[in-house]
Amino acid sequence: MSIISERREVLRTLALSMATSAIGFASAGARPAAAAVEPALTPPGATHLEALKKRLAQAPRRRDFKTVPMILNHREQWDDEALTEVLSYKPVPKQVWDNTAIASPWLNFMRTALNTQIWSFKHPDFLTVSVTHGTALLALYDQATWDKYRLTELAGDEFKTNTPIIEKKAASADPADYEDPAGAFSGEDNSIPALMRRGVVFMACHNAIWEQAAALIKTGVNPDKLSHGALAAELTNHLVDGAVLIPGAVGTLPELQQAGFHYAT
């Protein structure tokens, strides 16, 4: 009887442990599930693109630099895992944009290219990459960095704040209605967050970051009196979530072209 009682107690404890674990898993899944209410902006059938988005979300991004050199010469100095995922993407066609001017219609061009490839030519796994440098790179810093370093002075009077990273009202439109002229795939939703949800990869050029740090030092916009390398590191650490740091835009473009990406500017 003692053995039977002990066995029953072990089984009861095991059952309670399993129930507690189940509750724990449910609680852990509750917060990520909230993100699922966002409109799914990749089209039906985009299985390869969705898989890439998940791998990129899991790929590490180092954002704790204290200083960086002028020329990056070790893979741990940029987002090599994420870049490798993009270079390894097999479905075709795929396109890389050479984006340099924040005031240009660069977001609109990528949006319309996506729409044409997906719905006109029926390529749901079409991948768009923005190799971002020049003033366009300013759009990949968070607003706190814009405020601290008065980046509007580099971006131009049209950009009092970093408007390209602001969600637009059209983002909440029904994604099933891709013909909606005020919807999620229209010109009313030209934003970096919307394009990221569609699978667009925004790459940030280290060389441009280095040059922008130099410009800030030259104009005296350096409140912490940082060295050139330390200021470039701080800018790097404040890239928006999801951005992929690359060692240089014009030097990475040939790598993308060799991997089959069509060049656009």
C-alpha atoms as a PDB file:
ATOM      1  CA  MET A   1       0.000   0.000   0.000  1.00  0.00           C
ATOM      2  CA  SER A   2       2.849   2.353   0.816  1.00  0.00           C
ATOM      3  CA  ILE A   3       4.402   1.757  -2.609  1.00  0.00           C
ATOM      4  CA  ILE A   4       1.062   2.407  -4.356  1.00  0.00           C
ATOM      5  CA  SER A   5       0.526   5.615  -2.387  1.00  0.00           C
ATOM      6  CA  GLU A   6       4.000   6.846  -3.200  1.00  0.00           C
ATOM      7  CA  ARG A   7       3.436   6.073  -6.892  1.00  0.00           C
ATOM      8  CA  ARG A   8       0.165   7.984  -6.857  1.00  0.00           C
ATOM      9  CA  GLU A   9       1.905  10.961  -5.259  1.00  0.00           C
ATOM     10  CA  VAL A  10       4.654  10.909  -7.907  1.00  0.00           C
ATOM     11  CA  LEU A  11       2.049  10.795 -10.690  1.00  0.00           C
ATOM     12  CA  ARG A  12       0.074  13.627  -9.094  1.00  0.00           C
ATOM     13  CA  THR A  13       3.218  15.760  -8.783  1.00  0.00           C
ATOM     14  CA  LEU A  14       4.135  15.010 -12.397  1.00  0.00           C
ATOM     15  CA  ALA A  15       0.646  16.010 -13.564  1.00  0.00           C
ATOM     16  CA  LEU A  16       0.840  19.272 -11.641  1.00  0.00           C
ATOM     17  CA  SER A  17       4.269  19.982 -13.104  1.00  0.00           C
ATOM     18  CA  MET A  18       2.979  19.370 -16.625  1.00  0.00           C
ATOM     19  CA  ALA A  19       0.002  21.649 -16.024  1.00  0.00           C
ATOM     20  CA  THR A  20       2.262  24.371 -14.664  1.00  0.00           C
ATOM     21  CA  SER A  21       4.539  24.019 -17.657  1.00  0.00           C
ATOM     22  CA  ALA A  22       1.576  24.330 -20.002  1.00  0.00           C
ATOM     23  CA  ILE A  23       0.495  27.519 -18.264  1.00  0.00           C
ATOM     24  CA  GLY A  24       4.043  28.823 -18.563  1.00  0.00           C
ATOM     25  CA  PHE A  25       4.142  28.099 -22.291  1.00  0.00           C
ATOM     26  CA  ALA A  26       0.792  29.798 -22.755  1.00  0.00           C
ATOM     27  CA  SER A  27       1.990  32.869 -20.876  1.00  0.00           C
ATOM     28  CA  ALA A  28       5.219  32.962 -22.854  1.00  0.00           C
ATOM     29  CA  GLY A  29       3.276  32.811 -26.099  1.00  0.00           C
ATOM     30  CA  ALA A  30       0.828  35.526 -25.131  1.00  0.00           C
ATOM     31  CA  ARG A  31       3.090  38.492 -25.879  1.00  0.00           C
ATOM     32  CA  PRO A  32       4.326  37.344 -29.318  1.00  0.00           C
ATOM     33  CA  ALA A  33       0.751  36.510 -30.246  1.00  0.00           C
ATOM     34  CA  ALA A  34      -0.104  40.204 -29.892  1.00  0.00           C
ATOM     35  CA  ALA A  35       2.144  40.915 -32.845  1.00  0.00           C
ATOM     36  CA  ALA A  36       0.006  38.596 -34.955  1.00  0.00           C
ATOM     37  CA  VAL A  37      -2.815  41.145 -35.009  1.00  0.00           C
ATOM     38  CA  GLU A  38      -0.702  43.340 -37.325  1.00  0.00           C
ATOM     39  CA  PRO A  39      -1.801  43.032 -40.952  1.00  0.00           C
ATOM     40  CA  ALA A  40       0.121  40.328 -42.793  1.00  0.00           C
ATOM     41  CA  LEU A  41       1.551  42.281 -45.718  1.00  0.00           C
ATOM     42  CA  THR A  42       3.255  39.448 -47.558  1.00  0.00           C
ATOM     43  CA  PRO A  43       0.971  37.914 -50.197  1.00  0.00           C
ATOM     44  CA  PRO A  44      -0.455  34.386 -50.081  1.00  0.00           C
ATOM     45  CA  GLY A  45       2.097  31.923 -51.378  1.00  0.00           C
ATOM     46  CA  ALA A  46       5.140  33.882 -50.240  1.00  0.00           C
ATOM     47  CA  THR A  47       6.482  30.926 -48.273  1.00  0.00           C
ATOM     48  CA  HIS A  48      10.165  31.528 -49.049  1.00  0.00           C
ATOM     49  CA  LEU A  49       9.903  35.224 -48.230  1.00  0.00           C
ATOM     50  CA  GLU A  50       8.136  34.525 -44.928  1.00  0.00           C
ATOM     51  CA  ALA A  51      10.823  31.997 -44.007  1.00  0.00           C
ATOM     52  CA  LEU A  52      13.526  34.559 -44.798  1.00  0.00           C
ATOM     53  CA  LYS A  53      11.783  37.176 -42.655  1.00  0.00           C
ATOM     54  CA  LYS A  54      11.823  34.769 -39.713  1.00  0.00           C
ATOM     55  CA  ARG A  55      15.494  33.909 -40.184  1.00  0.00           C
ATOM     56  CA  LEU A  56      16.411  37.593 -40.424  1.00  0.00           C
ATOM     57  CA  ALA A  57      14.459  38.340 -37.252  1.00  0.00           C
ATOM     58  CA  GLN A  58      16.532  35.697 -35.458  1.00  0.00           C
ATOM     59  CA  ALA A  59      19.882  36.725 -36.968  1.00  0.00           C
ATOM     60  CA  PRO A  60      22.000  38.634 -34.425  1.00  0.00           C
ATOM     61  CA  ARG A  61      22.574  42.363 -34.704  1.00  0.00           C
ATOM     62  CA  ARG A  62      25.455  43.771 -32.681  1.00  0.00           C
ATOM     63  CA  ARG A  63      24.512  47.190 -31.315  1.00  0.00           C
ATOM     64  CA  ASP A  64      26.904  47.612 -28.381  1.00  0.00           C
ATOM     65  CA  PHE A  65      29.930  49.101 -30.136  1.00  0.00           C
ATOM     66  CA  LYS A  66      32.155  51.449 -28.132  1.00  0.00           C
ATOM     67  CA  THR A  67      34.200  52.458 -31.169  1.00  0.00           C
ATOM     68  CA  VAL A  68      34.517  51.323 -34.781  1.00  0.00           C
ATOM     69  CA  PRO A  69      37.313  51.677 -37.356  1.00  0.00           C
ATOM     70  CA  MET A  70      37.060  53.538 -40.648  1.00  0.00           C
ATOM     71  CA  ILE A  71      37.271  50.303 -42.654  1.00  0.00           C
ATOM     72  CA  LEU A  72      35.565  47.203 -41.282  1.00  0.00           C
ATOM     73  CA  ASN A  73      37.842  44.178 -41.670  1.00  0.00           C
ATOM     74  CA  HIS A  74      36.239  41.465 -39.511  1.00  0.00           C
ATOM     75  CA  ARG A  75      32.816  39.913 -40.051  1.00  0.00           C
ATOM     76  CA  GLU A  76      31.806  40.470 -36.428  1.00  0.00           C
ATOM     77  CA  GLN A  77      31.942  44.218 -37.135  1.00  0.00           C
ATOM     78  CA  TRP A  78      28.831  44.076 -39.321  1.00  0.00           C
ATOM     79  CA  ASP A  79      25.633  41.989 -39.482  1.00  0.00           C
ATOM     80  CA  ASP A  80      27.265  39.148 -41.365  1.00  0.00           C
ATOM     81  CA  GLU A  81      24.690  36.458 -40.487  1.00  0.00           C
ATOM     82  CA  ALA A  82      21.808  38.592 -41.745  1.00  0.00           C
ATOM     83  CA  LEU A  83      23.698  39.623 -44.881  1.00  0.00           C
ATOM     84  CA  THR A  84      24.540  35.985 -45.600  1.00  0.00           C
ATOM     85  CA  GLU A  85      20.850  35.059 -45.324  1.00  0.00           C
ATOM     86  CA  VAL A  86      19.993  37.668 -47.961  1.00  0.00           C
ATOM     87  CA  LEU A  87      22.831  36.625 -50.270  1.00  0.00           C
ATOM     88  CA  SER A  88      21.694  32.996 -49.962  1.00  0.00           C
ATOM     89  CA  TYR A  89      18.059  33.712 -50.914  1.00  0.00           C
ATOM     90  CA  LYS A  90      17.296  31.528 -53.952  1.00  0.00           C
ATOM     91  CA  PRO A  91      13.901  32.541 -55.401  1.00  0.00           C
ATOM     92  CA  VAL A  92      14.034  34.816 -58.440  1.00  0.00           C
ATOM     93  CA  PRO A  93      13.579  37.510 -59.493  1.00  0.00           C
ATOM     94  CA  LYS A  94      15.016  39.673 -56.716  1.00  0.00           C
ATOM     95  CA  GLN A  95      16.065  43.315 -56.770  1.00  0.00           C
ATOM     96  CA  VAL A  96      18.537  45.603 -55.001  1.00  0.00           C
ATOM     97  CA  TRP A  97      18.021  49.359 -54.873  1.00  0.00           C
ATOM     98  CA  ASP A  98      20.900  51.825 -54.591  1.00  0.00           C
ATOM     99  CA  ASN A  99      19.195  54.441 -52.381  1.00  0.00           C
ATOM    100  CA  THR A 100      21.083  57.648 -51.583  1.00  0.00           C
ATOM    101  CA  ALA A 101      18.630  60.549 -51.101  1.00  0.00           C
ATOM    102  CA  ILE A 102      16.100  60.747 -48.283  1.00  0.00           C
ATOM    103  CA  ALA A 103      14.039  63.334 -50.190  1.00  0.00           C
ATOM    104  CA  SER A 104      13.764  61.157 -53.311  1.00  0.00           C
ATOM    105  CA  PRO A 105      10.744  58.888 -53.971  1.00  0.00           C
ATOM    106  CA  TRP A 106      12.803  55.834 -52.972  1.00  0.00           C
ATOM    107  CA  LEU A 107      10.166  54.255 -50.721  1.00  0.00           C
ATOM    108  CA  ASN A 108       7.504  54.774 -53.388  1.00  0.00           C
ATOM    109  CA  PHE A 109       9.656  53.179 -56.095  1.00  0.00           C
ATOM    110  CA  MET A 110      10.265  50.049 -54.016  1.00  0.00           C
ATOM    111  CA  ARG A 111       6.548  49.833 -53.162  1.00  0.00           C
ATOM    112  CA  THR A 112       5.463  50.015 -56.811  1.00  0.00           C
ATOM    113  CA  ALA A 113       8.127  47.496 -57.857  1.00  0.00           C
ATOM    114  CA  LEU A 114       6.788  45.099 -55.238  1.00  0.00           C
ATOM    115  CA  ASN A 115       3.204  45.594 -56.365  1.00  0.00           C
ATOM    116  CA  THR A 116       4.070  44.955 -60.006  1.00  0.00           C
ATOM    117  CA  GLN A 117       6.147  41.862 -59.326  1.00  0.00           C
ATOM    118  CA  ILE A 118       3.631  40.359 -56.900  1.00  0.00           C
ATOM    119  CA  TRP A 119       0.294  41.035 -58.586  1.00  0.00           C
ATOM    120  CA  SER A 120       1.147  41.719 -62.214  1.00  0.00           C
ATOM    121  CA  PHE A 121       3.851  39.102 -62.766  1.00  0.00           C
ATOM    122  CA  LYS A 122       2.710  36.723 -59.992  1.00  0.00           C
ATOM    123  CA  HIS A 123       5.999  36.495 -58.066  1.00  0.00           C
ATOM    124  CA  PRO A 124       4.885  36.424 -54.404  1.00  0.00           C
ATOM    125  CA  ASP A 125       8.415  35.589 -53.154  1.00  0.00           C
ATOM    126  CA  PHE A 126       9.944  38.660 -54.820  1.00  0.00           C
ATOM    127  CA  LEU A 127      12.626  40.103 -52.514  1.00  0.00           C
ATOM    128  CA  THR A 128      13.522  43.794 -52.431  1.00  0.00           C
ATOM    129  CA  VAL A 129      16.718  45.046 -50.784  1.00  0.00           C
ATOM    130  CA  SER A 130      17.556  48.692 -50.085  1.00  0.00           C
ATOM    131  CA  VAL A 131      21.301  49.346 -49.985  1.00  0.00           C
ATOM    132  CA  THR A 132      21.007  52.601 -48.094  1.00  0.00           C
ATOM    133  CA  HIS A 133      23.624  55.349 -47.925  1.00  0.00           C
ATOM    134  CA  GLY A 134      23.906  59.097 -48.403  1.00  0.00           C
ATOM    135  CA  THR A 135      21.131  61.091 -46.751  1.00  0.00           C
ATOM    136  CA  ALA A 136      18.746  58.142 -47.194  1.00  0.00           C
ATOM    137  CA  LEU A 137      20.677  56.415 -44.407  1.00  0.00           C
ATOM    138  CA  LEU A 138      19.475  59.082 -41.962  1.00  0.00           C
ATOM    139  CA  ALA A 139      16.040  57.432 -42.166  1.00  0.00           C
ATOM    140  CA  LEU A 140      17.491  54.308 -40.545  1.00  0.00           C
ATOM    141  CA  TYR A 141      18.349  56.047 -37.238  1.00  0.00           C
ATOM    142  CA  ASP A 142      15.833  56.211 -34.403  1.00  0.00           C
ATOM    143  CA  GLN A 143      14.162  59.499 -33.494  1.00  0.00           C
ATOM    144  CA  ALA A 144      16.193  59.897 -30.293  1.00  0.00           C
ATOM    145  CA  THR A 145      19.354  60.040 -32.416  1.00  0.00           C
ATOM    146  CA  TRP A 146      17.734  62.552 -34.755  1.00  0.00           C
ATOM    147  CA  ASP A 147      16.978  64.749 -31.755  1.00  0.00           C
ATOM    148  CA  LYS A 148      20.376  64.411 -30.102  1.00  0.00           C
ATOM    149  CA  TYR A 149      22.413  65.055 -33.247  1.00  0.00           C
ATOM    150  CA  ARG A 150      20.013  67.467 -35.012  1.00  0.00           C
ATOM    151  CA  LEU A 151      19.932  65.215 -38.039  1.00  0.00           C
ATOM    152  CA  THR A 152      17.303  67.374 -39.693  1.00  0.00           C
ATOM    153  CA  GLU A 153      20.220  69.688 -40.528  1.00  0.00           C
ATOM    154  CA  LEU A 154      21.722  66.896 -42.637  1.00  0.00           C
ATOM    155  CA  ALA A 155      18.397  65.642 -44.021  1.00  0.00           C
ATOM    156  CA  GLY A 156      16.976  69.010 -45.081  1.00  0.00           C
ATOM    157  CA  ASP A 157      14.109  71.251 -44.036  1.00  0.00           C
ATOM    158  CA  GLU A 158      11.530  68.808 -45.394  1.00  0.00           C
ATOM    159  CA  PHE A 159      12.399  66.427 -42.567  1.00  0.00           C
ATOM    160  CA  LYS A 160      11.861  68.101 -39.197  1.00  0.00           C
ATOM    161  CA  THR A 161      11.617  64.578 -37.769  1.00  0.00           C
ATOM    162  CA  ASN A 162      12.347  61.128 -39.147  1.00  0.00           C
ATOM    163  CA  THR A 163       9.001  60.756 -40.914  1.00  0.00           C
ATOM    164  CA  PRO A 164       9.959  57.645 -42.985  1.00  0.00           C
ATOM    165  CA  ILE A 165       9.920  55.497 -39.813  1.00  0.00           C
ATOM    166  CA  ILE A 166       6.457  56.666 -38.737  1.00  0.00           C
ATOM    167  CA  GLU A 167       3.550  54.274 -39.230  1.00  0.00           C
ATOM    168  CA  LYS A 168       0.768  55.659 -41.424  1.00  0.00           C
ATOM    169  CA  LYS A 169      -2.988  55.370 -41.100  1.00  0.00           C
ATOM    170  CA  ALA A 170      -3.160  53.201 -44.224  1.00  0.00           C
ATOM    171  CA  ALA A 171      -1.211  50.480 -42.400  1.00  0.00           C
ATOM    172  CA  SER A 172      -4.420  49.469 -40.611  1.00  0.00           C
ATOM    173  CA  ALA A 173      -6.360  48.950 -43.867  1.00  0.00           C
ATOM    174  CA  ASP A 174      -7.507  45.477 -44.896  1.00  0.00           C
ATOM    175  CA  PRO A 175      -4.516  43.834 -46.616  1.00  0.00           C
ATOM    176  CA  ALA A 176      -6.844  41.541 -48.556  1.00  0.00           C
ATOM    177  CA  ASP A 177      -7.931  44.550 -50.624  1.00  0.00           C
ATOM    178  CA  TYR A 178      -4.685  45.200 -52.479  1.00  0.00           C
ATOM    179  CA  GLU A 179      -6.487  47.471 -54.961  1.00  0.00           C
ATOM    180  CA  ASP A 180      -7.529  49.954 -52.257  1.00  0.00           C
ATOM    181  CA  PRO A 181      -6.171  53.358 -53.424  1.00  0.00           C
ATOM    182  CA  ALA A 182      -5.808  54.413 -49.785  1.00  0.00           C
ATOM    183  CA  GLY A 183      -4.795  51.007 -48.452  1.00  0.00           C
ATOM    184  CA  ALA A 184      -1.712  49.214 -47.210  1.00  0.00           C
ATOM    185  CA  PHE A 185      -0.221  48.807 -50.688  1.00  0.00           C
ATOM    186  CA  SER A 186      -0.939  52.333 -51.908  1.00  0.00           C
ATOM    187  CA  GLY A 187       1.115  55.502 -51.865  1.00  0.00           C
ATOM    188  CA  GLU A 188      -0.639  56.330 -48.603  1.00  0.00           C
ATOM    189  CA  ASP A 189       1.566  53.750 -46.861  1.00  0.00           C
ATOM    190  CA  ASN A 190       5.051  54.648 -48.042  1.00  0.00           C
ATOM    191  CA  SER A 191       6.954  53.962 -44.836  1.00  0.00           C
ATOM    192  CA  ILE A 192       9.899  51.879 -43.716  1.00  0.00           C
ATOM    193  CA  PRO A 193       7.840  49.800 -41.208  1.00  0.00           C
ATOM    194  CA  ALA A 194       5.263  48.928 -43.878  1.00  0.00           C
ATOM    195  CA  LEU A 195       7.911  47.899 -46.380  1.00  0.00           C
ATOM    196  CA  MET A 196       9.713  45.828 -43.746  1.00  0.00           C
ATOM    197  CA  ARG A 197       6.489  43.931 -43.087  1.00  0.00           C
ATOM    198  CA  ARG A 198       6.342  43.241 -46.816  1.00  0.00           C
ATOM    199  CA  GLY A 199       9.813  41.684 -46.589  1.00  0.00           C
ATOM    200  CA  VAL A 200      11.952  44.602 -47.788  1.00  0.00           C
ATOM    201  CA  VAL A 201      15.445  44.448 -46.266  1.00  0.00           C
ATOM    202  CA  PHE A 202      17.031  47.797 -45.392  1.00  0.00           C
ATOM    203  CA  MET A 203      20.814  47.671 -45.331  1.00  0.00           C
ATOM    204  CA  ALA A 204      22.805  50.437 -43.597  1.00  0.00           C
ATOM    205  CA  CYS A 205      26.198  51.433 -45.006  1.00  0.00           C
ATOM    206  CA  HIS A 206      29.030  51.690 -42.467  1.00  0.00           C
ATOM    207  CA  ASN A 207      30.996  54.028 -44.732  1.00  0.00           C
ATOM    208  CA  ALA A 208      28.071  56.459 -44.793  1.00  0.00           C
ATOM    209  CA  ILE A 209      27.797  56.249 -40.999  1.00  0.00           C
ATOM    210  CA  TRP A 210      31.503  57.098 -40.741  1.00  0.00           C
ATOM    211  CA  GLU A 211      31.069  60.081 -43.063  1.00  0.00           C
ATOM    212  CA  GLN A 212      28.026  61.346 -41.170  1.00  0.00           C
ATOM    213  CA  ALA A 213      29.960  61.124 -37.904  1.00  0.00           C
ATOM    214  CA  ALA A 214      32.695  63.218 -39.521  1.00  0.00           C
ATOM    215  CA  ALA A 215      30.127  65.810 -40.645  1.00  0.00           C
ATOM    216  CA  LEU A 216      28.690  66.069 -37.126  1.00  0.00           C
ATOM    217  CA  ILE A 217      32.144  66.564 -35.609  1.00  0.00           C
ATOM    218  CA  LYS A 218      33.001  69.193 -38.220  1.00  0.00           C
ATOM    219  CA  THR A 219      29.858  71.212 -37.497  1.00  0.00           C
ATOM    220  CA  GLY A 220      30.273  70.903 -33.744  1.00  0.00           C
ATOM    221  CA  VAL A 221      27.216  68.676 -33.197  1.00  0.00           C
ATOM    222  CA  ASN A 222      28.969  66.333 -30.781  1.00  0.00           C
ATOM    223  CA  PRO A 223      27.521  66.925 -27.302  1.00  0.00           C
ATOM    224  CA  ASP A 224      29.500  64.122 -25.651  1.00  0.00           C
ATOM    225  CA  LYS A 225      32.793  65.145 -27.294  1.00  0.00           C
ATOM    226  CA  LEU A 226      33.225  61.668 -28.748  1.00  0.00           C
ATOM    227  CA  SER A 227      36.065  60.601 -30.975  1.00  0.00           C
ATOM    228  CA  HIS A 228      35.263  59.907 -34.612  1.00  0.00           C
ATOM    229  CA  GLY A 229      35.199  56.141 -34.036  1.00  0.00           C
ATOM    230  CA  ALA A 230      33.069  56.440 -30.890  1.00  0.00           C
ATOM    231  CA  LEU A 231      30.538  58.720 -32.570  1.00  0.00           C
ATOM    232  CA  ALA A 232      30.254  56.375 -35.546  1.00  0.00           C
ATOM    233  CA  ALA A 233      29.725  53.544 -33.050  1.00  0.00           C
ATOM    234  CA  GLU A 234      26.917  55.420 -31.311  1.00  0.00           C
ATOM    235  CA  LEU A 235      25.158  56.083 -34.606  1.00  0.00           C
ATOM    236  CA  THR A 236      25.506  52.389 -35.480  1.00  0.00           C
ATOM    237  CA  ASN A 237      24.034  51.383 -32.132  1.00  0.00           C
ATOM    238  CA  HIS A 238      20.921  53.444 -32.891  1.00  0.00           C
ATOM    239  CA  LEU A 239      19.933  51.939 -36.212  1.00  0.00           C
ATOM    240  CA  VAL A 240      16.232  51.044 -36.285  1.00  0.00           C
ATOM    241  CA  ASP A 241      15.210  47.488 -35.459  1.00  0.00           C
ATOM    242  CA  GLY A 242      15.513  45.188 -38.435  1.00  0.00           C
ATOM    243  CA  ALA A 243      18.171  47.175 -40.294  1.00  0.00           C
ATOM    244  CA  VAL A 244      21.158  45.179 -41.544  1.00  0.00           C
ATOM    245  CA  LEU A 245      24.573  46.789 -41.066  1.00  0.00           C
ATOM    246  CA  ILE A 246      26.903  46.225 -44.025  1.00  0.00           C
ATOM    247  CA  PRO A 247      30.580  47.233 -44.366  1.00  0.00           C
ATOM    248  CA  GLY A 248      29.897  49.541 -47.320  1.00  0.00           C
ATOM    249  CA  ALA A 249      27.111  50.161 -49.830  1.00  0.00           C
ATOM    250  CA  VAL A 250      28.977  50.367 -53.121  1.00  0.00           C
ATOM    251  CA  GLY A 251      31.258  47.507 -52.076  1.00  0.00           C
ATOM    252  CA  THR A 252      28.359  45.250 -51.086  1.00  0.00           C
ATOM    253  CA  LEU A 253      26.377  45.900 -54.274  1.00  0.00           C
ATOM    254  CA  PRO A 254      28.639  43.614 -56.372  1.00  0.00           C
ATOM    255  CA  GLU A 255      28.132  40.824 -53.828  1.00  0.00           C
ATOM    256  CA  LEU A 256      24.362  41.159 -54.229  1.00  0.00           C
ATOM    257  CA  GLN A 257      24.601  41.334 -58.003  1.00  0.00           C
ATOM    258  CA  GLN A 258      26.735  38.187 -58.077  1.00  0.00           C
ATOM    259  CA  ALA A 259      24.006  36.511 -56.018  1.00  0.00           C
ATOM    260  CA  GLY A 260      21.488  37.327 -58.753  1.00  0.00           C
ATOM    261  CA  PHE A 261      19.959  40.606 -57.563  1.00  0.00           C
ATOM    262  CA  HIS A 262      18.902  43.024 -60.299  1.00  0.00           C
ATOM    263  CA  TYR A 263      20.314  46.520 -59.788  1.00  0.00           C
ATOM    264  CA  ALA A 264      17.978  49.521 -59.572  1.00  0.00           C
ATOM    265  CA  THR A 265      18.494  53.138 -58.635  1.00  0.00           C
END
